[in-house]
Amino acid sequence: MAATTGVDRVWELVQDIRVCMLTSKAGGALRARPMHAMADVEAGEIAFFTDVRAHKDDEIAANPDVCLAFAKPNANEYVSLSGTAVVSDDRAEIRARFTEMTKAYFPDGPEDPNIRLLKVTPHDAEYWDGSSNPLVVAFEVARARIKGERPDLGENRKVALG
């Protein structure tokens, strides 16, 4: 593992997994939807393209606290981030981040009047980083059962980001 700190590992996981469930508060309920993350480590933020006609923009305007949950089950890698979200209509930034993949959702390009950037500044993170080898997992579970201990299935760490 190349990461030297918990903060480094959080950003590595976010950049590797890339798709997360964005959870916001809708009235009295929580609502989650899958989103494609664009991590900017230097800025300490994660951005998403969003459609201004979607409910999440209104939900975030009313309550900017969000959770981003990333999962890569085949590698036993998971990360959850809590942060503050804002919706931006910065056309220069939208143009700079716009890709061919984005065009599938916004065929009129970065000048589409409905496209916005949803930017999340994460404050806290927790990650679980385990072995992806099923034999290692099975061995560790069996060893722990024999010894009457909890299995060591990898690293679990809470990290302050801001």
Foldseek 3Di string as FASTA:
>chain_A
DPDDDPLSVQVVQCVVQQKWWKWFDDPPDIDTDIFGWDDDVVVQKIKTKDFQPDCVQVRCVVPQWIKTWGDDPLQFKIKIFIWGKHKAPPLVVLLVPDDPVVCVVVVVTSVPPGIIMIMTRTFKMKMWGFGSDVVVVVVQPVVCVVVVHDGCGGDIDIDTRD
